[in-house]
C-alpha cells in the first residue's frame, strides 16, 4: 500500500507541474534574443568593473608593500 501511495503522490506532483507549465507565457524569439543581449552586456560591464577594481587594488597593495620595504 505504501508503494502505491508514493506512486500516486509522484504522479500527482508531475501532473501539477505540467499544469503549471501550460500556464507559462513563453517569450517570443525576439524577446529571448533581446533578453540574452541584455544579460551578455550586463555580464561584460560587471566583468570590466570587477577587473578594473581588482587591478586598482592590486596596484595599491603593491605600492604599500614596496613602500613598507623601503622604510
N, C-alpha and C. Protein backbone atom coordinates (compact mmCIF):
# COMPACT_ATOMS: atom_id res chain seq x y z
N UNK A 1 0.81 -1.20 0.00
CA UNK A 1 0.00 0.00 0.00
C UNK A 1 0.85 1.27 0.00
N UNK A 2 1.96 1.23 0.72
CA UNK A 2 2.80 2.43 0.80
C UNK A 2 3.40 2.75 -0.57
N UNK A 3 3.74 1.74 -1.36
CA UNK A 3 4.30 1.96 -2.69
C UNK A 3 3.31 2.64 -3.60
N UNK A 4 2.05 2.24 -3.55
CA UNK A 4 1.03 2.84 -4.38
C UNK A 4 0.78 4.28 -3.97
N UNK A 5 0.85 4.56 -2.72
CA UNK A 5 0.66 5.92 -2.25
C UNK A 5 1.81 6.82 -2.76
N UNK A 6 3.02 6.29 -2.74
CA UNK A 6 4.16 7.04 -3.24
C UNK A 6 4.00 7.29 -4.74
N UNK A 7 3.59 6.27 -5.48
CA UNK A 7 3.38 6.42 -6.91
C UNK A 7 2.31 7.46 -7.20
N UNK A 8 1.24 7.43 -6.45
CA UNK A 8 0.15 8.39 -6.62
C UNK A 8 0.63 9.81 -6.32
N UNK A 9 1.43 9.95 -5.27
CA UNK A 9 1.94 11.27 -4.90
C UNK A 9 2.87 11.82 -5.98
N UNK A 10 3.77 10.98 -6.50
CA UNK A 10 4.69 11.41 -7.54
C UNK A 10 3.92 11.77 -8.81
N UNK A 11 2.95 10.95 -9.18
CA UNK A 11 2.16 11.21 -10.38
C UNK A 11 1.39 12.53 -10.23
N UNK A 12 0.85 12.76 -9.06
CA UNK A 12 0.11 14.00 -8.81
C UNK A 12 1.05 15.21 -8.88
N UNK A 13 2.25 15.05 -8.35
CA UNK A 13 3.23 16.14 -8.38
C UNK A 13 3.61 16.46 -9.82
N UNK A 14 3.89 15.44 -10.61
CA UNK A 14 4.26 15.66 -12.02
C UNK A 14 3.11 16.26 -12.81
N UNK A 15 1.89 15.81 -12.55
CA UNK A 15 0.72 16.34 -13.24
C UNK A 15 0.53 17.82 -12.93
N UNK A 16 0.71 18.19 -11.66
CA UNK A 16 0.55 19.60 -11.29
C UNK A 16 1.67 20.45 -11.91
N UNK A 17 2.86 19.87 -12.03
CA UNK A 17 3.95 20.58 -12.69
C UNK A 17 3.64 20.84 -14.15
N UNK A 18 3.11 19.84 -14.84
CA UNK A 18 2.73 20.01 -16.24
C UNK A 18 1.61 21.04 -16.39
N UNK A 19 0.66 21.02 -15.47
CA UNK A 19 -0.42 22.01 -15.50
C UNK A 19 0.13 23.43 -15.36
N UNK A 20 1.12 23.61 -14.49
CA UNK A 20 1.72 24.93 -14.32
C UNK A 20 2.48 25.35 -15.57
N UNK A 21 3.17 24.41 -16.23
CA UNK A 21 3.90 24.74 -17.46
C UNK A 21 2.96 25.19 -18.57
N UNK A 22 1.74 24.70 -18.57
CA UNK A 22 0.76 25.11 -19.58
C UNK A 22 0.34 26.57 -19.38
N UNK A 23 0.50 27.09 -18.16
CA UNK A 23 0.12 28.47 -17.86
C UNK A 23 1.23 29.47 -18.20
N UNK A 24 2.43 28.99 -18.45
CA UNK A 24 3.57 29.87 -18.71
C UNK A 24 3.40 30.59 -20.03
N UNK A 25 3.69 31.89 -20.03
CA UNK A 25 3.69 32.67 -21.27
C UNK A 25 5.14 32.74 -21.72
N UNK A 26 5.48 31.99 -22.77
CA UNK A 26 6.85 31.91 -23.24
C UNK A 26 7.19 33.15 -24.05
N UNK A 27 8.44 33.65 -23.94
CA UNK A 27 8.81 34.83 -24.71
C UNK A 27 8.93 34.50 -26.21
N UNK A 28 8.74 35.52 -27.02
CA UNK A 28 8.93 35.33 -28.46
C UNK A 28 10.43 35.21 -28.74
N UNK A 29 10.78 34.83 -29.95
CA UNK A 29 12.19 34.71 -30.32
C UNK A 29 12.90 36.05 -30.17
N UNK A 30 12.23 37.12 -30.59
CA UNK A 30 12.82 38.45 -30.49
C UNK A 30 13.06 38.84 -29.03
N UNK A 31 12.08 38.55 -28.18
CA UNK A 31 12.24 38.87 -26.76
C UNK A 31 13.38 38.06 -26.15
N UNK A 32 13.47 36.79 -26.50
CA UNK A 32 14.53 35.94 -25.96
C UNK A 32 15.90 36.47 -26.40
N UNK A 33 16.02 36.88 -27.66
CA UNK A 33 17.28 37.43 -28.14
C UNK A 33 17.61 38.75 -27.43
N UNK A 34 16.60 39.59 -27.24
CA UNK A 34 16.80 40.87 -26.55
C UNK A 34 17.23 40.63 -25.10
N UNK A 35 16.58 39.72 -24.40
CA UNK A 35 16.93 39.42 -23.02
C UNK A 35 18.33 38.83 -22.93
N UNK A 36 18.68 37.99 -23.89
CA UNK A 36 20.02 37.40 -23.92
C UNK A 36 21.07 38.49 -24.11
N UNK A 37 20.81 39.41 -25.02
CA UNK A 37 21.74 40.51 -25.26
C UNK A 37 21.92 41.37 -24.01
N UNK A 38 20.83 41.64 -23.32
CA UNK A 38 20.89 42.43 -22.09
C UNK A 38 21.76 41.71 -21.05
N UNK A 39 21.59 40.41 -20.91
CA UNK A 39 22.37 39.65 -19.94
C UNK A 39 23.85 39.65 -20.32
N UNK A 40 24.14 39.42 -21.60
CA UNK A 40 25.54 39.38 -22.03
C UNK A 40 26.22 40.73 -21.82
N UNK A 41 25.55 41.81 -22.19
CA UNK A 41 26.12 43.15 -22.00
C UNK A 41 26.32 43.44 -20.51
N UNK A 42 25.35 43.07 -19.69
CA UNK A 42 25.46 43.28 -18.25
C UNK A 42 26.64 42.51 -17.67
N UNK A 43 26.83 41.28 -18.10
CA UNK A 43 27.95 40.47 -17.62
C UNK A 43 29.27 41.09 -18.03
N UNK A 44 29.35 41.57 -19.27
CA UNK A 44 30.58 42.22 -19.73
C UNK A 44 30.88 43.46 -18.90
N UNK A 45 29.87 44.28 -18.64
CA UNK A 45 30.07 45.50 -17.85
C UNK A 45 30.54 45.16 -16.44
N UNK A 46 29.90 44.21 -15.80
CA UNK A 46 30.30 43.82 -14.44
C UNK A 46 31.70 43.23 -14.44
N UNK A 47 32.04 42.46 -15.47
CA UNK A 47 33.38 41.88 -15.57
C UNK A 47 34.44 42.96 -15.69
N UNK A 48 34.19 43.95 -16.54
CA UNK A 48 35.14 45.05 -16.72
C UNK A 48 35.29 45.83 -15.42
N UNK A 49 34.18 46.10 -14.75
CA UNK A 49 34.25 46.84 -13.48
C UNK A 49 35.02 46.04 -12.42
N UNK A 50 34.79 44.75 -12.35
CA UNK A 50 35.50 43.90 -11.39
C UNK A 50 36.98 43.84 -11.71
N UNK A 51 37.32 43.72 -13.00
CA UNK A 51 38.73 43.68 -13.40
C UNK A 51 39.42 45.00 -13.07
N UNK A 52 38.75 46.12 -13.31
CA UNK A 52 39.33 47.43 -13.01
C UNK A 52 39.54 47.59 -11.50
N UNK A 53 38.58 47.18 -10.71
CA UNK A 53 38.71 47.25 -9.26
C UNK A 53 39.85 46.34 -8.78
N UNK A 54 39.93 45.15 -9.32
CA UNK A 54 40.99 44.22 -8.96
C UNK A 54 42.35 44.80 -9.32
N UNK A 55 42.47 45.36 -10.50
CA UNK A 55 43.73 45.97 -10.94
C UNK A 55 44.12 47.13 -10.02
N UNK A 56 43.16 47.99 -9.75
CA UNK A 56 43.43 49.14 -8.89
C UNK A 56 43.84 48.73 -7.49
N UNK A 57 43.16 47.78 -6.91
CA UNK A 57 43.51 47.32 -5.57
C UNK A 57 44.87 46.63 -5.55
N UNK A 58 45.17 45.84 -6.57
CA UNK A 58 46.47 45.16 -6.60
C UNK A 58 47.60 46.17 -6.78
N UNK A 59 47.40 47.20 -7.60
CA UNK A 59 48.41 48.24 -7.75
C UNK A 59 48.62 48.99 -6.44
N UNK A 60 47.53 49.30 -5.76
CA UNK A 60 47.64 49.97 -4.47
C UNK A 60 48.36 49.11 -3.44
N UNK A 61 48.07 47.83 -3.42
CA UNK A 61 48.73 46.93 -2.49
C UNK A 61 50.21 46.80 -2.81
N UNK A 62 50.55 46.74 -4.08
CA UNK A 62 51.97 46.68 -4.47
C UNK A 62 52.71 47.94 -4.02
N UNK A 63 52.08 49.09 -4.13
CA UNK A 63 52.72 50.34 -3.68
C UNK A 63 52.91 50.33 -2.17
N UNK A 64 51.93 49.84 -1.43
CA UNK A 64 52.05 49.78 0.01
C UNK A 64 53.18 48.82 0.39
N UNK A 65 53.26 47.69 -0.26
CA UNK A 65 54.31 46.70 0.03
C UNK A 65 55.69 47.27 -0.30
N UNK A 66 55.82 47.89 -1.47
CA UNK A 66 57.13 48.45 -1.84
C UNK A 66 57.50 49.62 -0.92
N UNK A 67 56.53 50.39 -0.48
CA UNK A 67 56.80 51.48 0.45
C UNK A 67 57.24 50.95 1.80
N UNK A 68 56.59 49.87 2.26
CA UNK A 68 56.94 49.31 3.57
C UNK A 68 58.32 48.66 3.55
N UNK A 69 58.77 48.18 2.41
CA UNK A 69 60.08 47.57 2.32
C UNK A 69 61.19 48.63 2.32
N UNK A 70 60.87 49.84 1.90
CA UNK A 70 61.85 50.93 1.90
C UNK A 70 62.05 51.50 3.30
N UNK A 71 61.02 51.40 4.11
CA UNK A 71 61.06 52.02 5.46
C UNK A 71 61.87 51.22 6.42
